[in-house]
């Protein structure tokens, strides 16, 4: 096989934009998003896709803080935020969307206020509640994609299983101590058409088929987390969401990006659909 043939065979799939373009940009939007419009991979059409997108963020903590901020700044038109917790002093070392003045306030309210201050183009929808088996499908339905910024395994599996049922793309991120993992999951006909591997795409259960015991993963309250790590991870998660929406670049498909910030190293871990 020639070098050129090998290159064609391993070339990443073309991403089909997830969202149709919205209305023509206003003069103010042309100015606000000028640096996006100048990007050949985004342009005016890509920005109109972002403004027409509906993205659901589950978790307004460390991962949500940075992901939400960059999605809002990028001009994602409708952002949903799900979180039942209130801002605590111990959050502020990493949850930079919240302020000291917001201590005791619902995180969804604190985050929504900051996003509206940052970008008045947005429509922000808040859900001050916990994800359960009884409400997860109802909450996810109607959004273009979901971003998992939670910090516990049962909720991660609830989100992933619902995304599979709804054939919805999921941007996944996980952090602990100095490390992070990021990937993109999606199942169904649209996922296969977009180049996801296998006959039905990929989900969290292709990587971890069964939910581990509750004590299998240490809690950040016990082992700690460097505040910059969710910031770095959330930025990457926002980038993956933007690429899904606009069709730009190559997604983290069929691979998990592992980041070791203490050692200043990254690695890609290949993943594939489960057999059978």
C-alpha atoms as a PDB file:
ATOM      1  CA  UNK A   1       0.000   0.000   0.000  1.00  0.00           C
ATOM      2  CA  UNK A   2       1.384   3.423  -0.925  1.00  0.00           C
ATOM      3  CA  UNK A   3       2.053   6.161   1.601  1.00  0.00           C
ATOM      4  CA  UNK A   4      -0.702   8.226   0.001  1.00  0.00           C
ATOM      5  CA  UNK A   5      -3.187   5.342   0.241  1.00  0.00           C
ATOM      6  CA  UNK A   6      -2.314   4.772   3.879  1.00  0.00           C
ATOM      7  CA  UNK A   7      -2.848   8.477   4.543  1.00  0.00           C
ATOM      8  CA  UNK A   8      -6.276   8.424   2.884  1.00  0.00           C
ATOM      9  CA  UNK A   9      -7.307   5.375   4.851  1.00  0.00           C
ATOM     10  CA  UNK A  10      -6.390   6.902   8.210  1.00  0.00           C
ATOM     11  CA  UNK A  11      -7.743  10.388   7.480  1.00  0.00           C
ATOM     12  CA  UNK A  12     -10.365  11.486  10.046  1.00  0.00           C
ATOM     13  CA  UNK A  13     -14.003  11.581   8.920  1.00  0.00           C
ATOM     14  CA  UNK A  14     -15.590  14.820   7.777  1.00  0.00           C
ATOM     15  CA  UNK A  15     -17.798  16.213  10.509  1.00  0.00           C
ATOM     16  CA  UNK A  16     -21.354  17.072   9.496  1.00  0.00           C
ATOM     17  CA  UNK A  17     -22.387  20.281  11.287  1.00  0.00           C
ATOM     18  CA  UNK A  18     -24.849  19.464  14.057  1.00  0.00           C
ATOM     19  CA  UNK A  19     -26.834  22.713  13.856  1.00  0.00           C
ATOM     20  CA  UNK A  20     -28.309  24.620  10.916  1.00  0.00           C
ATOM     21  CA  UNK A  21     -27.373  28.303  10.554  1.00  0.00           C
ATOM     22  CA  UNK A  22     -29.675  30.780  12.234  1.00  0.00           C
ATOM     23  CA  UNK A  23     -30.624  34.314  11.244  1.00  0.00           C
ATOM     24  CA  UNK A  24     -28.295  36.785   9.543  1.00  0.00           C
ATOM     25  CA  UNK A  25     -25.863  38.447  11.946  1.00  0.00           C
ATOM     26  CA  UNK A  26     -26.542  41.951  13.198  1.00  0.00           C
ATOM     27  CA  UNK A  27     -23.908  44.681  13.034  1.00  0.00           C
ATOM     28  CA  UNK A  28     -23.241  44.204  16.750  1.00  0.00           C
ATOM     29  CA  UNK A  29     -22.796  40.454  16.296  1.00  0.00           C
ATOM     30  CA  UNK A  30     -20.428  41.001  13.387  1.00  0.00           C
ATOM     31  CA  UNK A  31     -18.268  43.078  15.711  1.00  0.00           C
ATOM     32  CA  UNK A  32     -18.528  40.774  18.739  1.00  0.00           C
ATOM     33  CA  UNK A  33     -17.658  37.623  16.816  1.00  0.00           C
ATOM     34  CA  UNK A  34     -15.229  39.180  14.319  1.00  0.00           C
ATOM     35  CA  UNK A  35     -12.342  36.894  15.319  1.00  0.00           C
ATOM     36  CA  UNK A  36     -14.521  33.819  14.809  1.00  0.00           C
ATOM     37  CA  UNK A  37     -15.749  35.056  11.459  1.00  0.00           C
ATOM     38  CA  UNK A  38     -12.144  35.472  10.351  1.00  0.00           C
ATOM     39  CA  UNK A  39     -11.462  31.773  11.036  1.00  0.00           C
ATOM     40  CA  UNK A  40     -11.782  29.790   7.806  1.00  0.00           C
ATOM     41  CA  UNK A  41     -13.206  26.828   9.747  1.00  0.00           C
ATOM     42  CA  UNK A  42     -15.983  28.943  11.318  1.00  0.00           C
ATOM     43  CA  UNK A  43     -16.796  32.005   9.227  1.00  0.00           C
ATOM     44  CA  UNK A  44     -20.131  33.760   9.271  1.00  0.00           C
ATOM     45  CA  UNK A  45     -22.106  30.565   8.621  1.00  0.00           C
ATOM     46  CA  UNK A  46     -20.399  28.806  11.523  1.00  0.00           C
ATOM     47  CA  UNK A  47     -21.170  31.717  13.821  1.00  0.00           C
ATOM     48  CA  UNK A  48     -24.795  31.593  12.771  1.00  0.00           C
ATOM     49  CA  UNK A  49     -24.786  27.885  13.656  1.00  0.00           C
ATOM     50  CA  UNK A  50     -23.442  28.714  17.116  1.00  0.00           C
ATOM     51  CA  UNK A  51     -26.100  31.358  17.685  1.00  0.00           C
ATOM     52  CA  UNK A  52     -28.763  28.838  16.654  1.00  0.00           C
ATOM     53  CA  UNK A  53     -27.429  26.061  18.920  1.00  0.00           C
ATOM     54  CA  UNK A  54     -28.957  24.709  22.118  1.00  0.00           C
ATOM     55  CA  UNK A  55     -26.378  23.242  24.515  1.00  0.00           C
ATOM     56  CA  UNK A  56     -27.160  21.657  27.884  1.00  0.00           C
ATOM     57  CA  UNK A  57     -24.451  21.773  30.559  1.00  0.00           C
ATOM     58  CA  UNK A  58     -24.941  19.422  33.495  1.00  0.00           C
ATOM     59  CA  UNK A  59     -22.923  20.749  36.407  1.00  0.00           C
ATOM     60  CA  UNK A  60     -21.995  24.361  37.177  1.00  0.00           C
ATOM     61  CA  UNK A  61     -18.894  23.502  39.179  1.00  0.00           C
ATOM     62  CA  UNK A  62     -15.263  23.319  38.106  1.00  0.00           C
ATOM     63  CA  UNK A  63     -15.824  21.877  34.638  1.00  0.00           C
ATOM     64  CA  UNK A  64     -18.993  23.849  34.072  1.00  0.00           C
ATOM     65  CA  UNK A  65     -17.404  27.160  35.060  1.00  0.00           C
ATOM     66  CA  UNK A  66     -14.962  27.263  32.170  1.00  0.00           C
ATOM     67  CA  UNK A  67     -17.076  25.352  29.648  1.00  0.00           C
ATOM     68  CA  UNK A  68     -20.064  27.637  30.179  1.00  0.00           C
ATOM     69  CA  UNK A  69     -17.984  30.802  30.064  1.00  0.00           C
ATOM     70  CA  UNK A  70     -16.378  29.943  26.732  1.00  0.00           C
ATOM     71  CA  UNK A  71     -19.622  28.719  25.186  1.00  0.00           C
ATOM     72  CA  UNK A  72     -21.290  31.972  26.169  1.00  0.00           C
ATOM     73  CA  UNK A  73     -18.414  34.034  24.837  1.00  0.00           C
ATOM     74  CA  UNK A  74     -18.487  32.008  21.601  1.00  0.00           C
ATOM     75  CA  UNK A  75     -22.120  32.943  21.053  1.00  0.00           C
ATOM     76  CA  UNK A  76     -23.953  29.666  21.683  1.00  0.00           C
ATOM     77  CA  UNK A  77     -27.487  31.008  21.520  1.00  0.00           C
ATOM     78  CA  UNK A  78     -29.272  28.917  24.148  1.00  0.00           C
ATOM     79  CA  UNK A  79     -27.490  27.400  27.126  1.00  0.00           C
ATOM     80  CA  UNK A  80     -29.101  25.190  29.739  1.00  0.00           C
ATOM     81  CA  UNK A  81     -27.531  24.723  33.183  1.00  0.00           C
ATOM     82  CA  UNK A  82     -28.424  21.854  35.522  1.00  0.00           C
ATOM     83  CA  UNK A  83     -27.169  21.931  39.130  1.00  0.00           C
ATOM     84  CA  UNK A  84     -28.904  21.640  42.498  1.00  0.00           C
ATOM     85  CA  UNK A  85     -25.994  22.851  44.643  1.00  0.00           C
ATOM     86  CA  UNK A  86     -25.225  26.227  46.176  1.00  0.00           C
ATOM     87  CA  UNK A  87     -21.951  28.111  45.981  1.00  0.00           C
ATOM     88  CA  UNK A  88     -19.572  27.269  48.827  1.00  0.00           C
ATOM     89  CA  UNK A  89     -16.323  28.950  49.848  1.00  0.00           C
ATOM     90  CA  UNK A  90     -14.397  25.737  49.112  1.00  0.00           C
ATOM     91  CA  UNK A  91     -15.636  25.863  45.490  1.00  0.00           C
ATOM     92  CA  UNK A  92     -13.963  29.149  44.621  1.00  0.00           C
ATOM     93  CA  UNK A  93     -10.441  27.739  44.175  1.00  0.00           C
ATOM     94  CA  UNK A  94     -11.596  26.241  40.850  1.00  0.00           C
ATOM     95  CA  UNK A  95     -15.210  27.241  40.105  1.00  0.00           C
ATOM     96  CA  UNK A  96     -14.316  30.594  38.613  1.00  0.00           C
ATOM     97  CA  UNK A  97     -17.748  31.434  37.240  1.00  0.00           C
ATOM     98  CA  UNK A  98     -18.854  32.135  40.827  1.00  0.00           C
ATOM     99  CA  UNK A  99     -17.787  34.973  43.116  1.00  0.00           C
ATOM    100  CA  UNK A 100     -17.313  35.349  46.853  1.00  0.00           C
ATOM    101  CA  UNK A 101     -20.477  37.454  46.901  1.00  0.00           C
ATOM    102  CA  UNK A 102     -22.404  34.469  45.480  1.00  0.00           C
ATOM    103  CA  UNK A 103     -21.656  32.150  48.432  1.00  0.00           C
ATOM    104  CA  UNK A 104     -24.919  30.521  49.487  1.00  0.00           C
ATOM    105  CA  UNK A 105     -26.607  31.249  46.152  1.00  0.00           C
ATOM    106  CA  UNK A 106     -27.797  28.526  43.806  1.00  0.00           C
ATOM    107  CA  UNK A 107     -25.011  27.774  41.341  1.00  0.00           C
ATOM    108  CA  UNK A 108     -27.387  27.902  38.383  1.00  0.00           C
ATOM    109  CA  UNK A 109     -28.430  31.452  39.340  1.00  0.00           C
ATOM    110  CA  UNK A 110     -24.865  32.629  39.914  1.00  0.00           C
ATOM    111  CA  UNK A 111     -23.689  31.091  36.634  1.00  0.00           C
ATOM    112  CA  UNK A 112     -26.641  32.394  34.624  1.00  0.00           C
ATOM    113  CA  UNK A 113     -26.066  35.942  35.869  1.00  0.00           C
ATOM    114  CA  UNK A 114     -22.413  35.826  34.856  1.00  0.00           C
ATOM    115  CA  UNK A 115     -23.223  34.441  31.384  1.00  0.00           C
ATOM    116  CA  UNK A 116     -25.822  37.149  30.755  1.00  0.00           C
ATOM    117  CA  UNK A 117     -23.336  39.800  31.839  1.00  0.00           C
ATOM    118  CA  UNK A 118     -20.772  38.361  29.451  1.00  0.00           C
ATOM    119  CA  UNK A 119     -23.072  38.057  26.452  1.00  0.00           C
ATOM    120  CA  UNK A 120     -26.585  39.539  26.254  1.00  0.00           C
ATOM    121  CA  UNK A 121     -27.229  37.551  23.031  1.00  0.00           C
ATOM    122  CA  UNK A 122     -27.829  34.448  25.141  1.00  0.00           C
ATOM    123  CA  UNK A 123     -30.952  32.716  26.321  1.00  0.00           C
ATOM    124  CA  UNK A 124     -30.044  30.917  29.585  1.00  0.00           C
ATOM    125  CA  UNK A 125     -32.329  28.198  30.966  1.00  0.00           C
ATOM    126  CA  UNK A 126     -31.723  26.996  34.528  1.00  0.00           C
ATOM    127  CA  UNK A 127     -32.620  23.713  36.215  1.00  0.00           C
ATOM    128  CA  UNK A 128     -31.948  23.908  39.980  1.00  0.00           C
ATOM    129  CA  UNK A 129     -32.349  20.179  40.512  1.00  0.00           C
ATOM    130  CA  UNK A 130     -30.541  16.855  40.492  1.00  0.00           C
ATOM    131  CA  UNK A 131     -30.556  14.468  37.557  1.00  0.00           C
ATOM    132  CA  UNK A 132     -32.525  11.292  38.332  1.00  0.00           C
ATOM    133  CA  UNK A 133     -33.835   8.306  36.400  1.00  0.00           C
ATOM    134  CA  UNK A 134     -37.237   9.958  36.496  1.00  0.00           C
ATOM    135  CA  UNK A 135     -36.280  13.304  34.972  1.00  0.00           C
ATOM    136  CA  UNK A 136     -33.151  12.780  32.855  1.00  0.00           C
ATOM    137  CA  UNK A 137     -34.876  12.093  29.517  1.00  0.00           C
ATOM    138  CA  UNK A 138     -37.249  15.029  29.939  1.00  0.00           C
ATOM    139  CA  UNK A 139     -34.390  17.417  30.769  1.00  0.00           C
ATOM    140  CA  UNK A 140     -32.132  16.302  27.882  1.00  0.00           C
ATOM    141  CA  UNK A 141     -34.857  16.147  25.238  1.00  0.00           C
ATOM    142  CA  UNK A 142     -34.865  19.081  22.833  1.00  0.00           C
ATOM    143  CA  UNK A 143     -31.207  20.077  23.220  1.00  0.00           C
ATOM    144  CA  UNK A 144     -28.675  19.689  20.418  1.00  0.00           C
ATOM    145  CA  UNK A 145     -25.996  18.224  22.665  1.00  0.00           C
ATOM    146  CA  UNK A 146     -25.251  17.575  26.315  1.00  0.00           C
ATOM    147  CA  UNK A 147     -22.022  18.244  28.197  1.00  0.00           C
ATOM    148  CA  UNK A 148     -21.302  16.138  31.272  1.00  0.00           C
ATOM    149  CA  UNK A 149     -19.566  18.249  33.912  1.00  0.00           C
ATOM    150  CA  UNK A 150     -20.658  16.164  36.888  1.00  0.00           C
ATOM    151  CA  UNK A 151     -18.438  14.634  39.551  1.00  0.00           C
ATOM    152  CA  UNK A 152     -20.109  11.337  40.449  1.00  0.00           C
ATOM    153  CA  UNK A 153     -20.383   8.051  38.607  1.00  0.00           C
ATOM    154  CA  UNK A 154     -24.126   7.298  38.988  1.00  0.00           C
ATOM    155  CA  UNK A 155     -25.048  10.623  37.384  1.00  0.00           C
ATOM    156  CA  UNK A 156     -22.521  10.110  34.588  1.00  0.00           C
ATOM    157  CA  UNK A 157     -24.174   6.824  33.644  1.00  0.00           C
ATOM    158  CA  UNK A 158     -27.666   8.351  33.857  1.00  0.00           C
ATOM    159  CA  UNK A 159     -26.592  11.103  31.447  1.00  0.00           C
ATOM    160  CA  UNK A 160     -24.823   8.767  29.056  1.00  0.00           C
ATOM    161  CA  UNK A 161     -27.652   6.232  28.936  1.00  0.00           C
ATOM    162  CA  UNK A 162     -30.190   9.006  28.273  1.00  0.00           C
ATOM    163  CA  UNK A 163     -27.983  10.451  25.519  1.00  0.00           C
ATOM    164  CA  UNK A 164     -27.944   6.998  23.901  1.00  0.00           C
ATOM    165  CA  UNK A 165     -31.744   6.716  24.081  1.00  0.00           C
ATOM    166  CA  UNK A 166     -32.111  10.183  22.553  1.00  0.00           C
ATOM    167  CA  UNK A 167     -29.276   9.695  20.010  1.00  0.00           C
ATOM    168  CA  UNK A 168     -27.728  12.907  21.336  1.00  0.00           C
ATOM    169  CA  UNK A 169     -24.021  13.825  21.209  1.00  0.00           C
ATOM    170  CA  UNK A 170     -22.296  13.956  24.598  1.00  0.00           C
ATOM    171  CA  UNK A 171     -19.107  15.797  25.450  1.00  0.00           C
ATOM    172  CA  UNK A 172     -17.455  14.028  28.372  1.00  0.00           C
ATOM    173  CA  UNK A 173     -14.862  15.321  30.812  1.00  0.00           C
ATOM    174  CA  UNK A 174     -13.468  14.012  34.086  1.00  0.00           C
ATOM    175  CA  UNK A 175     -10.871  15.466  36.460  1.00  0.00           C
ATOM    176  CA  UNK A 176      -9.024  14.333  39.579  1.00  0.00           C
ATOM    177  CA  UNK A 177      -5.930  15.693  41.302  1.00  0.00           C
ATOM    178  CA  UNK A 178      -3.685  16.855  38.391  1.00  0.00           C
ATOM    179  CA  UNK A 179      -5.240  14.734  35.630  1.00  0.00           C
ATOM    180  CA  UNK A 180      -8.115  14.917  33.176  1.00  0.00           C
ATOM    181  CA  UNK A 181      -9.887  12.835  30.528  1.00  0.00           C
ATOM    182  CA  UNK A 182     -11.934  14.236  27.648  1.00  0.00           C
ATOM    183  CA  UNK A 183     -13.874  12.514  24.868  1.00  0.00           C
ATOM    184  CA  UNK A 184     -16.979  12.771  22.678  1.00  0.00           C
ATOM    185  CA  UNK A 185     -19.686  10.077  22.595  1.00  0.00           C
ATOM    186  CA  UNK A 186     -22.600   9.737  20.193  1.00  0.00           C
ATOM    187  CA  UNK A 187     -24.795   6.864  19.032  1.00  0.00           C
ATOM    188  CA  UNK A 188     -27.463   6.377  16.381  1.00  0.00           C
ATOM    189  CA  UNK A 189     -27.772   6.981  12.640  1.00  0.00           C
ATOM    190  CA  UNK A 190     -26.576  10.581  12.807  1.00  0.00           C
ATOM    191  CA  UNK A 191     -23.490   9.521  14.744  1.00  0.00           C
ATOM    192  CA  UNK A 192     -22.601   6.865  12.182  1.00  0.00           C
ATOM    193  CA  UNK A 193     -23.154   9.354   9.352  1.00  0.00           C
ATOM    194  CA  UNK A 194     -20.818  11.762  11.147  1.00  0.00           C
ATOM    195  CA  UNK A 195     -18.066   9.140  11.204  1.00  0.00           C
ATOM    196  CA  UNK A 196     -18.355   7.559  14.643  1.00  0.00           C
ATOM    197  CA  UNK A 197     -16.988   4.002  14.636  1.00  0.00           C
ATOM    198  CA  UNK A 198     -18.984   0.815  14.708  1.00  0.00           C
ATOM    199  CA  UNK A 199     -22.559   0.155  13.638  1.00  0.00           C
ATOM    200  CA  UNK A 200     -24.075   2.479  16.208  1.00  0.00           C
ATOM    201  CA  UNK A 201     -21.381   4.924  17.317  1.00  0.00           C
ATOM    202  CA  UNK A 202     -19.791   5.094  20.754  1.00  0.00           C
ATOM    203  CA  UNK A 203     -21.026   5.640  24.293  1.00  0.00           C
ATOM    204  CA  UNK A 204     -19.540   5.718  27.778  1.00  0.00           C
ATOM    205  CA  UNK A 205     -20.478   2.055  28.232  1.00  0.00           C
ATOM    206  CA  UNK A 206     -18.200   1.103  25.335  1.00  0.00           C
ATOM    207  CA  UNK A 207     -15.334   2.296  27.532  1.00  0.00           C
ATOM    208  CA  UNK A 208     -16.670   1.328  30.973  1.00  0.00           C
ATOM    209  CA  UNK A 209     -19.514  -1.194  30.414  1.00  0.00           C
ATOM    210  CA  UNK A 210     -20.598  -1.405  34.037  1.00  0.00           C
ATOM    211  CA  UNK A 211     -20.787   1.307  36.652  1.00  0.00           C
ATOM    212  CA  UNK A 212     -17.916   0.751  39.116  1.00  0.00           C
ATOM    213  CA  UNK A 213     -18.569   0.512  42.863  1.00  0.00           C
ATOM    214  CA  UNK A 214     -19.056   3.836  44.615  1.00  0.00           C
ATOM    215  CA  UNK A 215     -15.658   3.594  46.310  1.00  0.00           C
ATOM    216  CA  UNK A 216     -13.746   2.687  43.121  1.00  0.00           C
ATOM    217  CA  UNK A 217     -12.887   6.294  42.318  1.00  0.00           C
ATOM    218  CA  UNK A 218     -11.600   8.604  45.070  1.00  0.00           C
ATOM    219  CA  UNK A 219     -13.486  11.815  45.747  1.00  0.00           C
ATOM    220  CA  UNK A 220     -11.884  15.181  45.054  1.00  0.00           C
ATOM    221  CA  UNK A 221     -12.710  16.211  48.630  1.00  0.00           C
ATOM    222  CA  UNK A 222     -10.406  13.416  49.828  1.00  0.00           C
ATOM    223  CA  UNK A 223      -7.511  13.568  47.344  1.00  0.00           C
ATOM    224  CA  UNK A 224      -7.825  17.143  46.092  1.00  0.00           C
ATOM    225  CA  UNK A 225      -7.765  18.792  42.693  1.00  0.00           C
ATOM    226  CA  UNK A 226      -5.533  21.464  41.231  1.00  0.00           C
ATOM    227  CA  UNK A 227      -7.779  24.404  40.367  1.00  0.00           C
ATOM    228  CA  UNK A 228      -6.319  24.882  36.895  1.00  0.00           C
ATOM    229  CA  UNK A 229      -7.170  21.331  35.790  1.00  0.00           C
ATOM    230  CA  UNK A 230     -10.956  21.767  35.413  1.00  0.00           C
ATOM    231  CA  UNK A 231     -10.224  25.083  33.702  1.00  0.00           C
ATOM    232  CA  UNK A 232      -8.011  23.407  31.119  1.00  0.00           C
ATOM    233  CA  UNK A 233     -10.463  20.534  30.720  1.00  0.00           C
ATOM    234  CA  UNK A 234     -13.509  22.773  30.424  1.00  0.00           C
ATOM    235  CA  UNK A 235     -11.816  24.771  27.683  1.00  0.00           C
ATOM    236  CA  UNK A 236     -11.212  21.579  25.702  1.00  0.00           C
ATOM    237  CA  UNK A 237     -14.800  20.451  26.285  1.00  0.00           C
ATOM    238  CA  UNK A 238     -16.117  23.784  25.002  1.00  0.00           C
ATOM    239  CA  UNK A 239     -13.910  23.422  21.920  1.00  0.00           C
ATOM    240  CA  UNK A 240     -15.345  19.967  21.203  1.00  0.00           C
ATOM    241  CA  UNK A 241     -18.895  21.320  21.533  1.00  0.00           C
ATOM    242  CA  UNK A 242     -18.110  24.185  19.139  1.00  0.00           C
ATOM    243  CA  UNK A 243     -16.629  21.738  16.615  1.00  0.00           C
ATOM    244  CA  UNK A 244     -19.716  19.522  16.837  1.00  0.00           C
ATOM    245  CA  UNK A 245     -22.012  22.481  16.232  1.00  0.00           C
ATOM    246  CA  UNK A 246     -20.068  23.965  13.321  1.00  0.00           C
ATOM    247  CA  UNK A 247     -18.476  20.910  11.711  1.00  0.00           C
ATOM    248  CA  UNK A 248     -14.970  22.322  12.190  1.00  0.00           C
ATOM    249  CA  UNK A 249     -11.843  20.224  12.705  1.00  0.00           C
ATOM    250  CA  UNK A 250     -11.517  16.690  14.068  1.00  0.00           C
ATOM    251  CA  UNK A 251     -13.499  15.535  17.076  1.00  0.00           C
ATOM    252  CA  UNK A 252     -12.234  13.438  19.972  1.00  0.00           C
ATOM    253  CA  UNK A 253     -13.951  10.452  18.416  1.00  0.00           C
ATOM    254  CA  UNK A 254     -12.754   6.924  19.161  1.00  0.00           C
ATOM    255  CA  UNK A 255     -10.163   8.257  21.560  1.00  0.00           C
ATOM    256  CA  UNK A 256      -9.867   9.689  25.039  1.00  0.00           C
ATOM    257  CA  UNK A 257      -7.497  12.578  25.516  1.00  0.00           C
ATOM    258  CA  UNK A 258      -5.624  12.164  28.804  1.00  0.00           C
ATOM    259  CA  UNK A 259      -3.926  15.226  30.255  1.00  0.00           C
ATOM    260  CA  UNK A 260      -1.337  15.007  33.044  1.00  0.00           C
ATOM    261  CA  UNK A 261      -0.812  18.632  33.997  1.00  0.00           C
ATOM    262  CA  UNK A 262       1.670  17.821  36.770  1.00  0.00           C
ATOM    263  CA  UNK A 263       3.963  16.057  34.311  1.00  0.00           C
ATOM    264  CA  UNK A 264       3.041  18.400  31.432  1.00  0.00           C
ATOM    265  CA  UNK A 265       2.118  15.377  29.282  1.00  0.00           C
ATOM    266  CA  UNK A 266      -0.790  14.309  27.124  1.00  0.00           C
ATOM    267  CA  UNK A 267      -1.752  10.943  25.666  1.00  0.00           C
ATOM    268  CA  UNK A 268      -4.483   9.602  23.413  1.00  0.00           C
ATOM    269  CA  UNK A 269      -6.168   6.358  24.454  1.00  0.00           C
ATOM    270  CA  UNK A 270      -7.948   4.624  21.528  1.00  0.00           C
ATOM    271  CA  UNK A 271     -11.439   3.291  22.219  1.00  0.00           C
ATOM    272  CA  UNK A 272     -13.756   1.139  20.117  1.00  0.00           C
ATOM    273  CA  UNK A 273     -17.341  -0.145  20.342  1.00  0.00           C
ATOM    274  CA  UNK A 274     -17.901  -3.188  22.503  1.00  0.00           C
ATOM    275  CA  UNK A 275     -17.984  -6.504  20.707  1.00  0.00           C
ATOM    276  CA  UNK A 276     -21.495  -7.764  20.183  1.00  0.00           C
END
